[in-house]
Amino acid sequence: MPFLGREKAVEVLFAIIPHESLVEPILEALVEAGVRGATVFETMGMGQILYDTMPLLARLRETSGTETTHNRTIMTVIEPIQREA
């Protein structure tokens, strides 16, 4: 059954990148692999959000020396990988 004009199944790839400097090389590798488009957006993990809203977790973060950081998430549609049986 076609979906959005496609006759075959596709998969969605999500890649969470913790360092902004890695985003461009990863996108270049995706292009070399034949990926024609992707969406990159800034994301924050649940733990990072909870650190900001729960005083106990915020205190734990202060003692551990960890800072809140933002990740970049790359999302793209890819052809399914053909696996041999």
N, C-alpha and C. Protein backbone atom coordinates (compact mmCIF):
# COMPACT_ATOMS: atom_id res chain seq x y z
N MET A 1 0.84 -1.18 0.00
CA MET A 1 0.00 0.00 0.00
C MET A 1 0.89 1.24 0.00
N PRO A 2 0.75 2.11 -0.95
CA PRO A 2 1.61 3.29 -1.04
C PRO A 2 1.36 4.25 0.12
N PHE A 3 2.44 4.87 0.57
CA PHE A 3 2.37 5.89 1.60
C PHE A 3 3.13 7.11 1.11
N LEU A 4 2.44 8.21 1.00
CA LEU A 4 3.03 9.45 0.50
C LEU A 4 3.72 9.25 -0.84
N GLY A 5 3.10 8.47 -1.71
CA GLY A 5 3.64 8.26 -3.04
C GLY A 5 4.75 7.24 -3.11
N ARG A 6 5.04 6.56 -2.02
CA ARG A 6 6.11 5.56 -2.01
C ARG A 6 5.51 4.17 -2.13
N GLU A 7 6.14 3.34 -2.93
CA GLU A 7 5.67 1.98 -3.11
C GLU A 7 6.33 1.01 -2.15
N LYS A 8 7.49 1.37 -1.60
CA LYS A 8 8.16 0.45 -0.70
C LYS A 8 8.42 1.10 0.66
N ALA A 9 8.72 0.26 1.63
CA ALA A 9 8.92 0.73 2.99
C ALA A 9 10.19 1.55 3.12
N VAL A 10 10.18 2.44 4.06
CA VAL A 10 11.36 3.22 4.40
C VAL A 10 11.56 3.14 5.91
N GLU A 11 12.74 3.50 6.36
CA GLU A 11 13.03 3.56 7.77
C GLU A 11 13.43 4.97 8.13
N VAL A 12 13.25 5.33 9.39
CA VAL A 12 13.65 6.64 9.88
C VAL A 12 14.89 6.46 10.74
N LEU A 13 15.90 7.25 10.47
CA LEU A 13 17.14 7.21 11.23
C LEU A 13 17.19 8.44 12.13
N PHE A 14 17.39 8.22 13.42
CA PHE A 14 17.61 9.30 14.37
C PHE A 14 19.03 9.15 14.90
N ALA A 15 19.81 10.20 14.84
CA ALA A 15 21.17 10.18 15.39
C ALA A 15 21.30 11.35 16.34
N ILE A 16 21.55 11.06 17.61
CA ILE A 16 21.71 12.10 18.61
C ILE A 16 23.21 12.38 18.75
N ILE A 17 23.58 13.60 18.42
CA ILE A 17 24.99 13.99 18.36
C ILE A 17 25.30 14.90 19.55
N PRO A 18 26.18 14.48 20.46
CA PRO A 18 26.45 15.28 21.66
C PRO A 18 27.38 16.47 21.43
N HIS A 19 28.10 16.48 20.32
CA HIS A 19 29.05 17.58 20.05
C HIS A 19 28.72 18.21 18.71
N GLU A 20 28.45 19.49 18.74
CA GLU A 20 28.06 20.21 17.52
C GLU A 20 29.10 20.08 16.41
N SER A 21 30.37 19.96 16.78
CA SER A 21 31.43 19.87 15.77
C SER A 21 31.34 18.60 14.93
N LEU A 22 30.59 17.61 15.39
CA LEU A 22 30.45 16.35 14.64
C LEU A 22 29.32 16.37 13.63
N VAL A 23 28.44 17.35 13.73
CA VAL A 23 27.25 17.37 12.88
C VAL A 23 27.61 17.45 11.39
N GLU A 24 28.44 18.40 11.03
CA GLU A 24 28.77 18.59 9.61
C GLU A 24 29.45 17.36 9.00
N PRO A 25 30.45 16.75 9.65
CA PRO A 25 31.05 15.54 9.08
C PRO A 25 30.04 14.39 8.93
N ILE A 26 29.13 14.28 9.87
CA ILE A 26 28.11 13.22 9.76
C ILE A 26 27.18 13.50 8.60
N LEU A 27 26.77 14.75 8.43
CA LEU A 27 25.90 15.10 7.30
C LEU A 27 26.61 14.84 5.97
N GLU A 28 27.90 15.17 5.91
CA GLU A 28 28.66 14.92 4.68
C GLU A 28 28.72 13.42 4.39
N ALA A 29 28.90 12.60 5.43
CA ALA A 29 28.93 11.15 5.24
C ALA A 29 27.57 10.63 4.78
N LEU A 30 26.50 11.21 5.29
CA LEU A 30 25.15 10.80 4.85
C LEU A 30 24.96 11.12 3.37
N VAL A 31 25.41 12.30 2.95
CA VAL A 31 25.30 12.68 1.54
C VAL A 31 26.09 11.70 0.67
N GLU A 32 27.31 11.36 1.09
CA GLU A 32 28.13 10.40 0.34
C GLU A 32 27.46 9.03 0.28
N ALA A 33 26.66 8.70 1.29
CA ALA A 33 25.96 7.42 1.32
C ALA A 33 24.66 7.45 0.52
N GLY A 34 24.34 8.61 -0.06
CA GLY A 34 23.15 8.70 -0.90
C GLY A 34 21.93 9.30 -0.24
N VAL A 35 22.05 9.78 0.97
CA VAL A 35 20.92 10.42 1.65
C VAL A 35 20.73 11.80 1.03
N ARG A 36 19.50 12.09 0.62
CA ARG A 36 19.24 13.35 -0.10
C ARG A 36 18.76 14.48 0.78
N GLY A 37 18.36 14.19 2.01
CA GLY A 37 17.89 15.25 2.89
C GLY A 37 17.81 14.77 4.32
N ALA A 38 17.91 15.70 5.24
CA ALA A 38 17.82 15.39 6.65
C ALA A 38 17.40 16.66 7.39
N THR A 39 16.88 16.46 8.57
CA THR A 39 16.53 17.58 9.43
C THR A 39 17.42 17.52 10.66
N VAL A 40 17.98 18.66 11.03
CA VAL A 40 18.83 18.74 12.21
C VAL A 40 18.16 19.71 13.18
N PHE A 41 17.98 19.26 14.41
CA PHE A 41 17.39 20.15 15.39
C PHE A 41 18.09 20.01 16.73
N GLU A 42 17.98 21.05 17.55
CA GLU A 42 18.59 21.06 18.87
C GLU A 42 17.68 20.28 19.82
N THR A 43 18.28 19.38 20.61
CA THR A 43 17.50 18.58 21.54
C THR A 43 18.14 18.57 22.91
N MET A 44 17.34 18.21 23.89
CA MET A 44 17.80 18.11 25.26
C MET A 44 17.19 16.85 25.86
N GLY A 45 18.01 16.07 26.53
CA GLY A 45 17.52 14.84 27.14
C GLY A 45 16.67 15.09 28.37
N MET A 46 15.89 14.08 28.74
CA MET A 46 15.00 14.18 29.89
C MET A 46 15.77 14.52 31.17
N GLY A 47 16.93 13.88 31.35
CA GLY A 47 17.73 14.15 32.54
C GLY A 47 18.14 15.60 32.63
N GLN A 48 18.49 16.18 31.49
CA GLN A 48 18.90 17.58 31.48
C GLN A 48 17.75 18.48 31.89
N ILE A 49 16.55 18.16 31.44
CA ILE A 49 15.38 18.97 31.79
C ILE A 49 15.06 18.81 33.27
N LEU A 50 15.10 17.57 33.75
CA LEU A 50 14.78 17.33 35.15
C LEU A 50 15.78 17.99 36.09
N TYR A 51 17.06 18.04 35.68
CA TYR A 51 18.05 18.74 36.50
C TYR A 51 17.62 20.18 36.73
N ASP A 52 17.01 20.78 35.71
CA ASP A 52 16.63 22.18 35.81
C ASP A 52 15.35 22.39 36.62
N THR A 53 14.53 21.35 36.80
CA THR A 53 13.24 21.53 37.46
C THR A 53 13.15 20.88 38.83
N MET A 54 14.08 19.98 39.16
CA MET A 54 14.02 19.30 40.45
C MET A 54 15.24 19.71 41.29
N PRO A 55 15.01 20.38 42.41
CA PRO A 55 16.12 20.89 43.22
C PRO A 55 17.13 19.82 43.63
N LEU A 56 16.67 18.64 44.00
CA LEU A 56 17.59 17.59 44.43
C LEU A 56 18.54 17.20 43.30
N LEU A 57 17.98 17.03 42.10
CA LEU A 57 18.82 16.68 40.96
C LEU A 57 19.77 17.82 40.60
N ALA A 58 19.31 19.05 40.75
CA ALA A 58 20.18 20.21 40.47
C ALA A 58 21.37 20.21 41.43
N ARG A 59 21.13 19.87 42.70
CA ARG A 59 22.23 19.81 43.65
C ARG A 59 23.20 18.69 43.30
N LEU A 60 22.68 17.56 42.86
CA LEU A 60 23.55 16.46 42.45
C LEU A 60 24.43 16.88 41.27
N ARG A 61 23.84 17.61 40.33
CA ARG A 61 24.60 18.09 39.18
C ARG A 61 25.71 19.02 39.63
N GLU A 62 25.41 19.90 40.59
CA GLU A 62 26.42 20.84 41.09
C GLU A 62 27.60 20.10 41.70
N THR A 63 27.33 19.03 42.44
CA THR A 63 28.41 18.29 43.08
C THR A 63 29.19 17.44 42.08
N SER A 64 28.53 17.03 40.99
CA SER A 64 29.22 16.19 40.00
C SER A 64 30.00 17.01 38.99
N GLY A 65 29.72 18.31 38.91
CA GLY A 65 30.42 19.16 37.96
C GLY A 65 29.90 19.05 36.54
N THR A 66 28.74 18.40 36.35
CA THR A 66 28.17 18.25 35.01
C THR A 66 27.34 19.49 34.68
N GLU A 67 27.46 19.94 33.46
CA GLU A 67 26.67 21.09 33.02
C GLU A 67 25.59 20.64 32.05
N THR A 68 24.51 21.42 31.99
CA THR A 68 23.46 21.12 31.03
C THR A 68 23.98 21.43 29.63
N THR A 69 23.82 20.48 28.73
CA THR A 69 24.25 20.69 27.35
C THR A 69 23.10 20.36 26.41
N HIS A 70 23.20 20.87 25.24
CA HIS A 70 22.21 20.58 24.21
C HIS A 70 22.86 19.70 23.16
N ASN A 71 22.09 18.77 22.66
CA ASN A 71 22.55 17.89 21.60
C ASN A 71 21.98 18.37 20.28
N ARG A 72 22.47 17.82 19.21
CA ARG A 72 21.86 18.00 17.89
C ARG A 72 21.34 16.62 17.51
N THR A 73 20.13 16.58 16.98
CA THR A 73 19.56 15.32 16.51
C THR A 73 19.36 15.42 15.02
N ILE A 74 19.87 14.42 14.31
CA ILE A 74 19.69 14.34 12.86
C ILE A 74 18.60 13.32 12.62
N MET A 75 17.62 13.69 11.81
CA MET A 75 16.53 12.79 11.45
C MET A 75 16.47 12.72 9.93
N THR A 76 16.43 11.50 9.40
CA THR A 76 16.34 11.34 7.96
C THR A 76 15.61 10.05 7.63
N VAL A 77 15.04 10.00 6.45
CA VAL A 77 14.37 8.80 5.94
C VAL A 77 15.36 8.07 5.06
N ILE A 78 15.51 6.76 5.28
CA ILE A 78 16.46 5.97 4.50
C ILE A 78 15.78 4.71 3.98
N GLU A 79 16.37 4.13 2.96
CA GLU A 79 15.89 2.86 2.45
C GLU A 79 16.24 1.78 3.47
N PRO A 80 15.39 0.79 3.66
CA PRO A 80 15.71 -0.28 4.60
C PRO A 80 17.00 -1.01 4.19
N ILE A 81 17.75 -1.42 5.18
CA ILE A 81 18.98 -2.18 4.93
C ILE A 81 18.60 -3.61 4.57
N GLN A 82 19.14 -4.08 3.47
CA GLN A 82 18.86 -5.45 3.04
C GLN A 82 19.76 -6.39 3.82
N ARG A 83 19.15 -7.26 4.60
CA ARG A 83 19.91 -8.22 5.38
C ARG A 83 19.77 -9.60 4.76
N GLU A 84 20.87 -10.32 4.72
CA GLU A 84 20.81 -11.69 4.18
C GLU A 84 20.26 -12.61 5.24
N ALA A 85 19.48 -13.59 4.82
CA ALA A 85 18.88 -14.54 5.76
C ALA A 85 19.86 -15.56 6.25
